[in-house]
C-alpha atoms as a PDB file:
ATOM      1  CA  MET A   1     -14.911-118.272 -75.648  1.00  0.00           C
ATOM      2  CA  LYS A   2     -16.905-116.347 -73.110  1.00  0.00           C
ATOM      3  CA  ASP A   3     -15.699-112.884 -72.045  1.00  0.00           C
ATOM      4  CA  HIS A   4     -14.922-114.109 -68.521  1.00  0.00           C
ATOM      5  CA  ASP A   5     -12.500-116.615 -70.061  1.00  0.00           C
ATOM      6  CA  VAL A   6     -10.495-113.803 -71.692  1.00  0.00           C
ATOM      7  CA  ARG A   7      -7.909-111.864 -69.721  1.00  0.00           C
ATOM      8  CA  GLN A   8      -7.646-108.148 -70.441  1.00  0.00           C
ATOM      9  CA  VAL A   9      -3.904-107.421 -70.377  1.00  0.00           C
ATOM     10  CA  THR A  10      -2.858-103.981 -69.182  1.00  0.00           C
ATOM     11  CA  ASP A  11       0.657-104.844 -67.976  1.00  0.00           C
ATOM     12  CA  SER A  12       3.411-104.570 -70.587  1.00  0.00           C
ATOM     13  CA  ARG A  13       5.415-107.256 -68.736  1.00  0.00           C
ATOM     14  CA  VAL A  14       2.668-109.758 -69.575  1.00  0.00           C
ATOM     15  CA  LEU A  15       2.803-108.707 -73.230  1.00  0.00           C
ATOM     16  CA  ALA A  16       6.582-109.065 -73.145  1.00  0.00           C
ATOM     17  CA  ALA A  17       6.139-112.650 -71.915  1.00  0.00           C
ATOM     18  CA  LEU A  18       3.738-113.273 -74.812  1.00  0.00           C
ATOM     19  CA  SER A  19       6.117-111.710 -77.329  1.00  0.00           C
ATOM     20  CA  HIS A  20       8.114-114.798 -78.105  1.00  0.00           C
ATOM     21  CA  PRO A  21       7.178-117.203 -80.911  1.00  0.00           C
ATOM     22  CA  LEU A  22       7.571-120.384 -78.840  1.00  0.00           C
ATOM     23  CA  ARG A  23       5.663-119.009 -75.863  1.00  0.00           C
ATOM     24  CA  ARG A  24       2.862-117.961 -78.197  1.00  0.00           C
ATOM     25  CA  ARG A  25       2.885-121.436 -79.737  1.00  0.00           C
ATOM     26  CA  LEU A  26       2.850-123.145 -76.320  1.00  0.00           C
ATOM     27  CA  MET A  27      -0.234-121.144 -75.391  1.00  0.00           C
ATOM     28  CA  ASP A  28      -1.871-122.181 -78.672  1.00  0.00           C
ATOM     29  CA  VAL A  29      -1.102-125.863 -78.019  1.00  0.00           C
ATOM     30  CA  LEU A  30      -2.583-125.611 -74.516  1.00  0.00           C
ATOM     31  CA  LYS A  31      -5.646-123.841 -75.938  1.00  0.00           C
ATOM     32  CA  VAL A  32      -6.230-126.474 -78.626  1.00  0.00           C
ATOM     33  CA  TYR A  33      -5.340-129.666 -76.737  1.00  0.00           C
ATOM     34  CA  GLY A  34      -5.817-128.699 -73.087  1.00  0.00           C
ATOM     35  CA  SER A  35      -3.496-129.285 -70.164  1.00  0.00           C
ATOM     36  CA  ALA A  36      -0.201-131.011 -70.921  1.00  0.00           C
ATOM     37  CA  THR A  37       3.124-132.050 -69.494  1.00  0.00           C
ATOM     38  CA  VAL A  38       6.419-130.548 -70.631  1.00  0.00           C
ATOM     39  CA  GLY A  39       7.069-133.775 -72.560  1.00  0.00           C
ATOM     40  CA  LEU A  40       3.773-133.538 -74.451  1.00  0.00           C
ATOM     41  CA  LEU A  41       4.362-129.870 -75.215  1.00  0.00           C
ATOM     42  CA  ALA A  42       7.901-130.612 -76.399  1.00  0.00           C
ATOM     43  CA  GLU A  43       6.562-133.345 -78.680  1.00  0.00           C
ATOM     44  CA  ARG A  44       3.839-131.116 -80.153  1.00  0.00           C
ATOM     45  CA  THR A  45       6.205-128.198 -80.774  1.00  0.00           C
ATOM     46  CA  GLY A  46       9.344-130.111 -81.760  1.00  0.00           C
ATOM     47  CA  GLN A  47      11.324-128.352 -79.028  1.00  0.00           C
ATOM     48  CA  ALA A  48      13.658-129.696 -76.351  1.00  0.00           C
ATOM     49  CA  PRO A  49      11.914-130.297 -72.995  1.00  0.00           C
ATOM     50  CA  ALA A  50      14.393-127.983 -71.209  1.00  0.00           C
ATOM     51  CA  ASN A  51      13.517-125.165 -73.636  1.00  0.00           C
ATOM     52  CA  VAL A  52       9.781-125.748 -73.170  1.00  0.00           C
ATOM     53  CA  SER A  53      10.222-125.821 -69.395  1.00  0.00           C
ATOM     54  CA  HIS A  54      12.074-122.496 -69.431  1.00  0.00           C
ATOM     55  CA  HIS A  55       9.366-120.798 -71.503  1.00  0.00           C
ATOM     56  CA  LEU A  56       6.581-122.240 -69.327  1.00  0.00           C
ATOM     57  CA  LYS A  57       8.258-120.649 -66.307  1.00  0.00           C
ATOM     58  CA  VAL A  58       8.232-117.268 -68.080  1.00  0.00           C
ATOM     59  CA  LEU A  59       4.534-117.707 -68.918  1.00  0.00           C
ATOM     60  CA  ALA A  60       3.811-118.791 -65.337  1.00  0.00           C
ATOM     61  CA  ALA A  61       5.579-115.703 -63.931  1.00  0.00           C
ATOM     62  CA  ALA A  62       3.208-113.616 -66.102  1.00  0.00           C
ATOM     63  CA  GLU A  63       0.260-115.664 -64.782  1.00  0.00           C
ATOM     64  CA  LEU A  64      -0.616-116.882 -68.266  1.00  0.00           C
ATOM     65  CA  VAL A  65      -0.146-120.567 -67.427  1.00  0.00           C
ATOM     66  CA  ALA A  66      -0.234-122.444 -64.132  1.00  0.00           C
ATOM     67  CA  GLU A  67       0.650-125.877 -62.904  1.00  0.00           C
ATOM     68  CA  ALA A  68      -2.209-128.370 -62.768  1.00  0.00           C
ATOM     69  CA  PRO A  69      -1.036-130.741 -59.978  1.00  0.00           C
ATOM     70  CA  GLU A  70      -4.409-132.473 -59.840  1.00  0.00           C
ATOM     71  CA  LEU A  71      -3.576-134.149 -63.170  1.00  0.00           C
ATOM     72  CA  ALA A  72      -0.233-135.603 -62.048  1.00  0.00           C
ATOM     73  CA  ARG A  73      -0.002-139.336 -61.406  1.00  0.00           C
ATOM     74  CA  ASP A  74       3.012-138.853 -59.141  1.00  0.00           C
ATOM     75  CA  ARG A  75       5.130-136.041 -57.651  1.00  0.00           C
ATOM     76  CA  ARG A  76       7.585-136.038 -60.572  1.00  0.00           C
ATOM     77  CA  GLU A  77       4.941-135.400 -63.220  1.00  0.00           C
ATOM     78  CA  ARG A  78       4.133-131.711 -63.830  1.00  0.00           C
ATOM     79  CA  TRP A  79       1.102-130.686 -65.848  1.00  0.00           C
ATOM     80  CA  TRP A  80       0.442-127.178 -67.138  1.00  0.00           C
ATOM     81  CA  ARG A  81      -2.786-125.401 -68.096  1.00  0.00           C
ATOM     82  CA  LEU A  82      -3.827-121.995 -69.358  1.00  0.00           C
ATOM     83  CA  VAL A  83      -5.008-119.559 -66.711  1.00  0.00           C
ATOM     84  CA  SER A  84      -7.448-117.943 -69.189  1.00  0.00           C
ATOM     85  CA  ARG A  85      -8.679-119.287 -72.528  1.00  0.00           C
ATOM     86  CA  GLY A  86      -7.542-116.111 -74.232  1.00  0.00           C
ATOM     87  CA  VAL A  87      -5.948-112.720 -73.814  1.00  0.00           C
ATOM     88  CA  ARG A  88      -6.706-109.352 -75.307  1.00  0.00           C
ATOM     89  CA  TRP A  89      -5.178-105.943 -75.056  1.00  0.00           C
ATOM     90  CA  SER A  90      -5.650-102.498 -76.449  1.00  0.00           C
ATOM     91  CA  ASN A  91      -2.703-100.393 -77.528  1.00  0.00           C
ATOM     92  CA  ALA A  92      -4.612 -97.450 -76.037  1.00  0.00           C
ATOM     93  CA  ASP A  93      -3.839 -98.897 -72.582  1.00  0.00           C
ATOM     94  CA  PHE A  94      -0.116 -98.408 -73.265  1.00  0.00           C
ATOM     95  CA  GLY A  95      -0.114 -95.065 -75.093  1.00  0.00           C
ATOM     96  CA  LYS A  96       1.267 -92.906 -72.276  1.00  0.00           C
ATOM     97  CA  ASP A  97       4.433 -94.948 -71.744  1.00  0.00           C
ATOM     98  CA  PRO A  98       6.618 -95.174 -74.884  1.00  0.00           C
ATOM     99  CA  ALA A  99       8.409 -98.323 -73.654  1.00  0.00           C
ATOM    100  CA  ALA A 100       5.135-100.073 -72.827  1.00  0.00           C
ATOM    101  CA  ARG A 101       3.690 -98.989 -76.185  1.00  0.00           C
ATOM    102  CA  ALA A 102       6.734-100.471 -77.951  1.00  0.00           C
ATOM    103  CA  VAL A 103       6.085-103.781 -76.164  1.00  0.00           C
ATOM    104  CA  ALA A 104       2.387-103.667 -77.148  1.00  0.00           C
ATOM    105  CA  ASP A 105       3.329-102.930 -80.763  1.00  0.00           C
ATOM    106  CA  ALA A 106       5.827-105.820 -80.767  1.00  0.00           C
ATOM    107  CA  ALA A 107       3.192-108.168 -79.312  1.00  0.00           C
ATOM    108  CA  ALA A 108       0.690-107.131 -82.002  1.00  0.00           C
ATOM    109  CA  SER A 109       3.328-107.621 -84.706  1.00  0.00           C
ATOM    110  CA  LEU A 110       4.244-111.087 -83.403  1.00  0.00           C
ATOM    111  CA  ASN A 111       0.546-111.957 -83.264  1.00  0.00           C
ATOM    112  CA  LEU A 112       0.096-110.975 -86.902  1.00  0.00           C
ATOM    113  CA  ASP A 113       3.235-112.878 -87.919  1.00  0.00           C
ATOM    114  CA  ARG A 114       1.850-115.986 -86.173  1.00  0.00           C
ATOM    115  CA  HIS A 115      -1.496-115.649 -87.938  1.00  0.00           C
ATOM    116  CA  VAL A 116       0.084-115.191 -91.356  1.00  0.00           C
ATOM    117  CA  SER A 117       2.508-118.097 -90.829  1.00  0.00           C
ATOM    118  CA  LEU A 118      -0.392-120.449 -90.067  1.00  0.00           C
ATOM    119  CA  VAL A 119      -2.175-119.419 -93.264  1.00  0.00           C
ATOM    120  CA  ARG A 120       1.034-119.725 -95.294  1.00  0.00           C
ATOM    121  CA  ALA A 121       1.608-123.210 -93.863  1.00  0.00           C
ATOM    122  CA  TRP A 122      -1.879-124.216 -95.054  1.00  0.00           C
ATOM    123  CA  HIS A 123      -1.185-122.906 -98.548  1.00  0.00           C
ATOM    124  CA  GLY A 124       2.042-124.913 -98.543  1.00  0.00           C
ATOM    125  CA  ALA A 125       0.294-128.132 -97.478  1.00  0.00           C
ATOM    126  CA  ASP A 126       0.321-131.054 -99.864  1.00  0.00           C
ATOM    127  CA  GLU A 127      -2.430-131.456-102.421  1.00  0.00           C
ATOM    128  CA  ALA A 128      -4.015-134.436-100.633  1.00  0.00           C
ATOM    129  CA  ALA A 129      -4.562-132.380 -97.473  1.00  0.00           C
ATOM    130  CA  GLN A 130      -6.024-129.506 -99.456  1.00  0.00           C
ATOM    131  CA  VAL A 131      -8.342-131.811-101.416  1.00  0.00           C
ATOM    132  CA  ALA A 132      -9.534-133.465 -98.178  1.00  0.00           C
ATOM    133  CA  TRP A 133     -10.790-130.108 -96.891  1.00  0.00           C
ATOM    134  CA  GLY A 134     -12.572-129.237-100.133  1.00  0.00           C
ATOM    135  CA  ASP A 135     -13.944-125.721-100.258  1.00  0.00           C
ATOM    136  CA  GLY A 136     -13.990-125.299 -96.460  1.00  0.00           C
ATOM    137  CA  PRO A 137     -10.833-123.216 -96.062  1.00  0.00           C
ATOM    138  CA  PHE A 138     -11.527-119.609 -96.982  1.00  0.00           C
ATOM    139  CA  SER A 139     -10.309-116.071 -96.962  1.00  0.00           C
ATOM    140  CA  THR A 140     -12.446-113.038 -97.289  1.00  0.00           C
ATOM    141  CA  ASP A 141     -12.036-109.316 -97.161  1.00  0.00           C
ATOM    142  CA  ARG A 142     -14.240-106.291 -97.571  1.00  0.00           C
ATOM    143  CA  TRP A 143     -13.748-102.559 -97.646  1.00  0.00           C
ATOM    144  CA  LEU A 144     -16.338-100.973 -95.361  1.00  0.00           C
ATOM    145  CA  HIS A 145     -17.138 -97.384 -94.457  1.00  0.00           C
ATOM    146  CA  LEU A 146     -17.466 -97.348 -90.660  1.00  0.00           C
ATOM    147  CA  SER A 147     -17.235 -95.059 -87.691  1.00  0.00           C
ATOM    148  CA  PRO A 148     -15.055 -96.141 -84.729  1.00  0.00           C
ATOM    149  CA  GLU A 149     -18.234 -97.178 -82.889  1.00  0.00           C
ATOM    150  CA  GLU A 150     -19.449 -99.254 -85.841  1.00  0.00           C
ATOM    151  CA  LEU A 151     -16.065-100.993 -86.110  1.00  0.00           C
ATOM    152  CA  ALA A 152     -16.286-101.829 -82.387  1.00  0.00           C
ATOM    153  CA  GLU A 153     -19.787-103.237 -82.951  1.00  0.00           C
ATOM    154  CA  LEU A 154     -18.578-105.347 -85.891  1.00  0.00           C
ATOM    155  CA  SER A 155     -15.707-106.593 -83.731  1.00  0.00           C
ATOM    156  CA  ARG A 156     -18.097-107.688 -80.973  1.00  0.00           C
ATOM    157  CA  GLU A 157     -20.331-109.477 -83.486  1.00  0.00           C
ATOM    158  CA  LEU A 158     -17.403-111.380 -85.040  1.00  0.00           C
ATOM    159  CA  VAL A 159     -15.950-112.293 -81.639  1.00  0.00           C
ATOM    160  CA  ASP A 160     -19.390-113.522 -80.508  1.00  0.00           C
ATOM    161  CA  LEU A 161     -19.812-115.602 -83.678  1.00  0.00           C
ATOM    162  CA  LEU A 162     -16.415-117.263 -83.261  1.00  0.00           C
ATOM    163  CA  ALA A 163     -17.099-117.803 -79.546  1.00  0.00           C
ATOM    164  CA  ARG A 164     -20.373-119.532 -80.375  1.00  0.00           C
ATOM    165  CA  TRP A 165     -18.526-121.992 -82.621  1.00  0.00           C
ATOM    166  CA  ALA A 166     -15.666-122.450 -80.147  1.00  0.00           C
ATOM    167  CA  ASP A 167     -17.988-123.069 -77.180  1.00  0.00           C
ATOM    168  CA  ARG A 168     -20.450-125.382 -78.916  1.00  0.00           C
ATOM    169  CA  GLU A 169     -20.864-129.002 -77.916  1.00  0.00           C
ATOM    170  CA  THR A 170     -18.891-131.093 -80.367  1.00  0.00           C
ATOM    171  CA  PRO A 171     -21.422-133.347 -82.108  1.00  0.00           C
ATOM    172  CA  ASP A 172     -20.982-137.077 -81.535  1.00  0.00           C
ATOM    173  CA  ASP A 173     -21.552-137.957 -85.176  1.00  0.00           C
ATOM    174  CA  GLY A 174     -18.429-140.007 -85.917  1.00  0.00           C
ATOM    175  CA  ARG A 175     -16.820-137.322 -88.084  1.00  0.00           C
ATOM    176  CA  GLU A 176     -13.178-136.495 -87.462  1.00  0.00           C
ATOM    177  CA  ARG A 177     -12.553-132.916 -86.362  1.00  0.00           C
ATOM    178  CA  GLN A 178      -9.181-131.212 -86.491  1.00  0.00           C
ATOM    179  CA  PRO A 179      -8.040-127.859 -85.146  1.00  0.00           C
ATOM    180  CA  VAL A 180      -8.968-125.042 -87.522  1.00  0.00           C
ATOM    181  CA  PHE A 181      -7.481-121.563 -87.131  1.00  0.00           C
ATOM    182  CA  VAL A 182      -9.779-118.637 -87.956  1.00  0.00           C
ATOM    183  CA  PHE A 183      -8.773-115.009 -87.705  1.00  0.00           C
ATOM    184  CA  ALA A 184     -10.042-111.669 -88.903  1.00  0.00           C
ATOM    185  CA  TYR A 185      -8.689-108.153 -88.719  1.00  0.00           C
ATOM    186  CA  GLY A 186     -10.587-104.922 -89.059  1.00  0.00           C
ATOM    187  CA  VAL A 187      -8.330-101.887 -89.163  1.00  0.00           C
ATOM    188  CA  PRO A 188      -8.590 -98.440 -90.708  1.00  0.00           C
ATOM    189  CA  ALA A 189      -6.591 -98.450 -93.940  1.00  0.00           C
ATOM    190  CA  ARG A 190      -6.240 -96.807 -97.322  1.00  0.00           C
ATOM    191  CA  PRO A 191      -6.766 -98.846-100.504  1.00  0.00           C
END
């Protein structure tokens, strides 16, 4: 994902729109599978179309998704797409306003909950699925001694590495590829 594809969020109202589990999931589905109709999104999330439609309107009001009328086969069909491939924010942008900071903290917490739930779902997958992936799935952690500038540099390097894999041409080698979720956190902490 190139930097110009990532929206820097500085408006707490946008974070509030993101701070709902289904809206976060809808954005993930659009990121993984591309533009979709309400019906496709409802099918992929197991939600009622009316519920999906409501949450898409909230995301659209925050300019996180937009209609893609060029994909419609007729006037009744409504397609939706992401406005940006990703979003990022810094809690530092919300530090002066306690209400905005609370929204940013809630968005970060929801984000972490989403990440952890995806990993837990993998660990709860049946044995056949786990065997099929062999030793590919991983987790790793390290304790490092870093300055704030070094942590920022490490962050850029990891983001660039993941972007290189995300933006690569998918080889036409006949192998089946499925969505794979990768995340990493680097935060100051005490052991």
